[in-house]
Amino acid sequence: MELLLIPTEIIVLLILSVLIASYVQGVTGFAMAMLLVAVLGGTRVLELEVLAATVSLLTLVNIGLSLHGHYHLIQGRVLKWLVLGQVPGLFLGVWLLGILSVNALTVLEIMLGIFIVLGCMAMLVKPRLRDNVSSSASCLVAGMTGGLLGGLFAASGPVMGWFCYRQPLAVVEVRATLLGCFALSTIVRTCIVGVSGGLTQEVWFYFIIAAPLVLFGTWLARKYPPLLEETVLRQAVFGVMIALGAWLIVSSLIGSSL
């Protein structure tokens, strides 16, 4: 794909979004995929199928950095049942994305807006810890729900994060298990999209531009942590994302009524 075919404003917004999202991810430990989906999807600069495929590839880069050296902290039973639930959910989500993007784009945009708003609100609320680790059936249901959202929008963090942080486990174990879950589900999603021809030249073009920025943003977060407290930073970022999600809902509803 020739560079001239890609508008400059899209490249600039992509660069800024990836830098900020990877920096926030490096500080808070999550939210990169959600932030990218909220900004690039909320502003409609990329088609949702292209955006989701690109975010999946970038997520793999970020997970590889974050999970390195922490594999032993993964909780095997929880991970197994989450992934078993995620796989069919991913297939369904990718299928729905393809159907809706062609036949009901407005519905898909409204769904994305609702997902962004509710997902950000859920991530601002501290989950209440359970007394015992969830059953295999509960992990399976959570995995299927997260897989459906991951297939649709390449961002299952709100569901998976809320579920996993309710478990009575050490924070490092929760984070490692989540990252392991995201890694496996992202690989599965990427394979599904690749087999169906969704890993287009456009997707690889955006990935090649953005991948080094993920590394740079992560390094910046470690080298130059923000002056703001993590809680304040999280509230500010999610506040902007909620506003973008609300704008996407309202603009889609207005556009469909004209």
Protein backbone atom coordinates (compact mmCIF):
# COMPACT_ATOMS: atom_id res chain seq x y z
CA MET A 1 0.00 0.00 0.00
CA GLU A 2 1.34 3.41 -0.96
CA LEU A 3 1.82 5.95 1.78
CA LEU A 4 0.07 8.63 -0.30
CA LEU A 5 -3.18 6.68 -0.09
CA ILE A 6 -3.29 7.15 3.68
CA PRO A 7 -4.38 10.66 4.76
CA THR A 8 -1.78 12.40 6.92
CA GLU A 9 -4.29 13.16 9.67
CA ILE A 10 -5.00 9.45 10.12
CA ILE A 11 -1.29 8.66 10.51
CA VAL A 12 -0.80 11.52 12.98
CA LEU A 13 -3.82 10.48 15.08
CA LEU A 14 -2.65 6.86 15.02
CA ILE A 15 0.83 7.83 16.22
CA LEU A 16 -0.47 10.03 19.03
CA SER A 17 -3.09 7.48 20.09
CA VAL A 18 -0.63 4.59 20.24
CA LEU A 19 1.95 6.62 22.15
CA ILE A 20 -0.58 7.79 24.74
CA ALA A 21 -2.27 4.37 25.01
CA SER A 22 1.00 2.48 25.48
CA TYR A 23 2.18 5.06 28.03
CA VAL A 24 -1.07 4.73 30.01
CA GLN A 25 -0.78 0.95 29.75
CA GLY A 26 2.75 1.13 31.10
CA VAL A 27 1.59 3.19 34.09
CA THR A 28 -1.71 1.50 34.96
CA GLY A 29 -1.11 -2.01 33.62
CA PHE A 30 -4.13 -2.04 31.32
CA ALA A 31 -6.37 0.00 28.96
CA MET A 32 -4.26 0.18 25.80
CA ALA A 33 -6.73 -1.67 23.59
CA MET A 34 -9.74 0.15 25.06
CA LEU A 35 -8.10 3.54 24.59
CA LEU A 36 -7.18 2.82 20.98
CA VAL A 37 -10.66 1.55 20.20
CA ALA A 38 -12.25 4.56 21.91
CA VAL A 39 -10.11 7.17 20.12
CA LEU A 40 -9.76 5.63 16.65
CA GLY A 41 -13.23 4.10 16.67
CA GLY A 42 -14.94 7.04 18.32
CA THR A 43 -13.51 9.45 15.76
CA ARG A 44 -14.30 7.04 12.89
CA VAL A 45 -10.86 7.47 11.30
CA LEU A 46 -10.51 3.72 10.70
CA GLU A 47 -13.03 1.09 9.66
CA LEU A 48 -13.88 -1.06 12.66
CA GLU A 49 -12.67 -4.30 11.06
CA VAL A 50 -9.31 -2.70 10.21
CA LEU A 51 -9.09 -1.11 13.65
CA ALA A 52 -9.83 -4.35 15.51
CA ALA A 53 -7.27 -6.31 13.48
CA THR A 54 -4.60 -3.66 14.03
CA VAL A 55 -5.31 -3.40 17.76
CA SER A 56 -5.03 -7.19 18.07
CA LEU A 57 -1.54 -7.19 16.56
CA LEU A 58 -0.43 -4.27 18.73
CA THR A 59 -1.84 -5.98 21.81
CA LEU A 60 0.38 -8.99 21.15
CA VAL A 61 3.46 -6.73 21.15
CA ASN A 62 2.40 -5.16 24.44
CA ILE A 63 1.57 -8.50 26.07
CA GLY A 64 4.93 -9.93 25.05
CA LEU A 65 6.66 -7.08 26.87
CA SER A 66 4.48 -7.27 29.97
CA LEU A 67 4.29 -11.04 30.43
CA HIS A 68 7.98 -11.79 29.92
CA GLY A 69 9.38 -13.37 33.10
CA HIS A 70 5.98 -13.73 34.79
CA TYR A 71 4.68 -16.93 33.22
CA HIS A 72 4.99 -18.84 36.50
CA LEU A 73 2.42 -16.53 38.13
CA ILE A 74 -0.39 -17.58 35.77
CA GLN A 75 -3.23 -19.47 37.48
CA GLY A 76 -3.64 -22.47 35.21
CA ARG A 77 -7.20 -23.57 36.10
CA VAL A 78 -8.67 -20.09 35.78
CA LEU A 79 -6.81 -19.49 32.52
CA LYS A 80 -7.93 -22.81 31.03
CA TRP A 81 -11.65 -22.23 31.56
CA LEU A 82 -11.50 -18.58 30.53
CA VAL A 83 -9.81 -19.51 27.25
CA LEU A 84 -12.22 -22.41 26.61
CA GLY A 85 -15.04 -19.90 26.89
CA GLN A 86 -13.29 -17.25 24.86
CA VAL A 87 -12.67 -19.31 21.72
CA PRO A 88 -16.33 -19.79 20.66
CA GLY A 89 -17.05 -16.21 21.75
CA LEU A 90 -14.26 -14.95 19.51
CA PHE A 91 -15.62 -16.80 16.48
CA LEU A 92 -19.09 -15.38 17.11
CA GLY A 93 -17.76 -11.86 17.69
CA VAL A 94 -15.66 -11.79 14.51
CA TRP A 95 -18.61 -13.17 12.52
CA LEU A 96 -20.95 -10.51 13.95
CA LEU A 97 -18.42 -7.78 13.19
CA GLY A 98 -18.30 -8.84 9.55
CA ILE A 99 -22.09 -9.00 9.25
CA LEU A 100 -22.81 -5.71 11.02
CA SER A 101 -20.05 -3.72 9.32
CA VAL A 102 -21.62 -4.50 5.95
CA ASN A 103 -25.35 -4.54 6.74
CA ALA A 104 -25.84 -2.44 9.87
CA LEU A 105 -22.91 -0.06 10.41
CA THR A 106 -24.96 2.38 12.48
CA VAL A 107 -26.01 -0.41 14.86
CA LEU A 108 -22.37 -1.50 15.14
CA GLU A 109 -21.22 2.05 15.95
CA ILE A 110 -23.92 2.42 18.62
CA MET A 111 -22.86 -0.93 20.10
CA LEU A 112 -19.24 0.27 20.14
CA GLY A 113 -20.24 3.51 21.86
CA ILE A 114 -22.22 1.64 24.52
CA PHE A 115 -19.33 -0.77 25.01
CA ILE A 116 -16.87 2.10 25.49
CA VAL A 117 -19.09 3.95 27.98
CA LEU A 118 -20.08 0.91 30.06
CA GLY A 119 -16.62 -0.64 29.83
CA CYS A 120 -14.90 2.51 31.09
CA MET A 121 -17.43 2.94 33.90
CA ALA A 122 -16.86 -0.68 34.95
CA MET A 123 -13.09 -0.19 34.96
CA LEU A 124 -13.44 2.85 37.23
CA VAL A 125 -15.23 0.78 39.89
CA LYS A 126 -13.11 -1.37 42.17
CA PRO A 127 -14.46 -4.96 42.06
CA ARG A 128 -15.49 -6.57 45.32
CA LEU A 129 -13.30 -9.56 46.17
CA ARG A 130 -14.89 -12.99 46.32
CA ASP A 131 -14.31 -15.34 49.26
CA ASN A 132 -13.27 -18.17 46.94
CA VAL A 133 -11.93 -18.49 43.42
CA SER A 134 -14.79 -18.67 40.89
CA SER A 135 -15.98 -22.05 39.65
CA SER A 136 -15.03 -23.46 36.28
CA ALA A 137 -18.55 -22.72 34.97
CA SER A 138 -18.28 -19.05 36.01
CA CYS A 139 -14.89 -18.77 34.31
CA LEU A 140 -16.38 -20.33 31.17
CA VAL A 141 -19.25 -17.82 31.04
CA ALA A 142 -16.92 -14.88 31.69
CA GLY A 143 -14.60 -16.14 28.97
CA MET A 144 -17.45 -16.43 26.45
CA THR A 145 -18.64 -12.90 27.22
CA GLY A 146 -15.12 -11.51 26.98
CA GLY A 147 -14.51 -13.49 23.80
CA LEU A 148 -17.63 -12.05 22.16
CA LEU A 149 -16.47 -8.49 22.90
CA GLY A 150 -12.92 -9.37 21.92
CA GLY A 151 -14.14 -10.71 18.60
CA LEU A 152 -16.24 -7.61 17.95
CA PHE A 153 -13.91 -4.88 19.16
CA ALA A 154 -10.56 -6.57 20.02
CA ALA A 155 -10.96 -5.28 23.60
CA SER A 156 -12.28 -7.71 26.19
CA GLY A 157 -10.52 -5.94 29.07
CA PRO A 158 -13.57 -4.55 30.91
CA VAL A 159 -15.23 -7.96 31.29
CA MET A 160 -12.09 -10.01 31.84
CA GLY A 161 -10.49 -7.45 34.14
CA TRP A 162 -13.62 -7.04 36.29
CA PHE A 163 -13.97 -10.83 36.60
CA CYS A 164 -10.32 -11.59 37.35
CA TYR A 165 -9.82 -8.78 39.85
CA ARG A 166 -12.70 -10.21 41.89
CA GLN A 167 -10.69 -13.37 42.50
CA PRO A 168 -8.97 -13.73 45.91
CA LEU A 169 -5.52 -13.89 44.34
CA ALA A 170 -2.40 -11.77 44.56
CA VAL A 171 -2.44 -8.81 42.18
CA VAL A 172 0.63 -10.12 40.32
CA GLU A 173 -1.15 -13.46 39.76
CA VAL A 174 -4.28 -11.72 38.50
CA ARG A 175 -2.28 -9.58 36.06
CA ALA A 176 -0.25 -12.53 34.78
CA THR A 177 -3.39 -14.64 34.30
CA LEU A 178 -5.13 -11.79 32.50
CA LEU A 179 -2.15 -11.25 30.21
CA GLY A 180 -1.96 -14.96 29.46
CA CYS A 181 -5.66 -14.97 28.65
CA PHE A 182 -5.33 -11.91 26.42
CA ALA A 183 -2.31 -13.43 24.65
CA LEU A 184 -4.08 -16.67 23.76
CA SER A 185 -7.34 -14.99 22.78
CA THR A 186 -5.53 -12.38 20.66
CA ILE A 187 -3.59 -15.09 18.83
CA VAL A 188 -6.83 -16.98 18.16
CA ARG A 189 -8.57 -13.83 16.94
CA THR A 190 -5.69 -12.90 14.69
CA CYS A 191 -5.68 -16.39 13.18
CA ILE A 192 -9.44 -16.23 12.55
CA VAL A 193 -9.12 -12.84 10.87
CA GLY A 194 -6.04 -13.94 8.92
CA VAL A 195 -7.73 -17.07 7.52
CA SER A 196 -10.71 -14.96 6.41
CA GLY A 197 -8.40 -12.50 4.63
CA GLY A 198 -8.77 -9.70 7.18
CA LEU A 199 -5.04 -9.10 7.68
CA THR A 200 -4.90 -6.72 4.75
CA GLN A 201 -2.07 -4.49 3.55
CA GLU A 202 -3.76 -1.61 5.36
CA VAL A 203 -3.69 -3.49 8.67
CA TRP A 204 0.00 -4.37 8.28
CA PHE A 205 0.80 -0.80 7.26
CA TYR A 206 -0.71 0.60 10.45
CA PHE A 207 0.91 -2.13 12.54
CA ILE A 208 4.39 -1.46 11.15
CA ILE A 209 4.01 2.23 11.97
CA ALA A 210 2.56 1.67 15.43
CA ALA A 211 4.54 -1.30 16.80
CA PRO A 212 7.75 0.67 17.56
CA LEU A 213 5.59 3.31 19.27
CA VAL A 214 4.23 0.68 21.67
CA LEU A 215 7.81 -0.10 22.71
CA PHE A 216 8.66 3.60 22.99
CA GLY A 217 5.53 4.46 24.98
CA THR A 218 6.17 1.58 27.39
CA TRP A 219 9.77 2.76 27.86
CA LEU A 220 8.58 6.33 28.50
CA ALA A 221 6.18 5.13 31.19
CA ARG A 222 9.00 3.37 33.03
CA LYS A 223 11.57 6.13 32.54
CA TYR A 224 9.30 9.12 33.10
CA PRO A 225 6.29 8.22 35.25
CA PRO A 226 3.53 10.86 35.35
CA LEU A 227 3.39 13.52 38.05
CA LEU A 228 -0.29 12.71 38.55
CA GLU A 229 -1.31 9.86 40.84
CA GLU A 230 -2.33 6.70 39.00
CA THR A 231 -5.93 7.04 40.20
CA VAL A 232 -6.20 10.61 38.88
CA LEU A 233 -4.63 9.62 35.55
CA ARG A 234 -7.02 6.69 35.23
CA GLN A 235 -10.05 8.87 35.94
CA ALA A 236 -8.93 11.49 33.41
CA VAL A 237 -8.28 8.94 30.66
CA PHE A 238 -11.53 7.07 31.21
CA GLY A 239 -13.43 10.36 31.40
CA VAL A 240 -12.21 11.25 27.91
CA MET A 241 -13.05 7.76 26.65
CA ILE A 242 -16.58 7.93 28.10
CA ALA A 243 -17.08 11.26 26.34
CA LEU A 244 -15.91 9.73 23.04
CA GLY A 245 -18.23 6.76 23.49
CA ALA A 246 -21.18 9.03 24.27
CA TRP A 247 -20.39 11.17 21.21
CA LEU A 248 -20.30 8.06 19.02
CA ILE A 249 -23.74 6.96 20.29
CA VAL A 250 -25.34 10.39 19.87
CA SER A 251 -23.82 11.10 16.45
CA SER A 252 -24.82 7.65 15.18
CA LEU A 253 -28.40 8.10 16.40
CA ILE A 254 -28.61 11.57 14.84
CA GLY A 255 -27.12 10.35 11.58
CA SER A 256 -29.55 7.42 11.35
CA SER A 257 -32.54 9.71 11.86
CA LEU A 258 -31.62 12.07 9.01
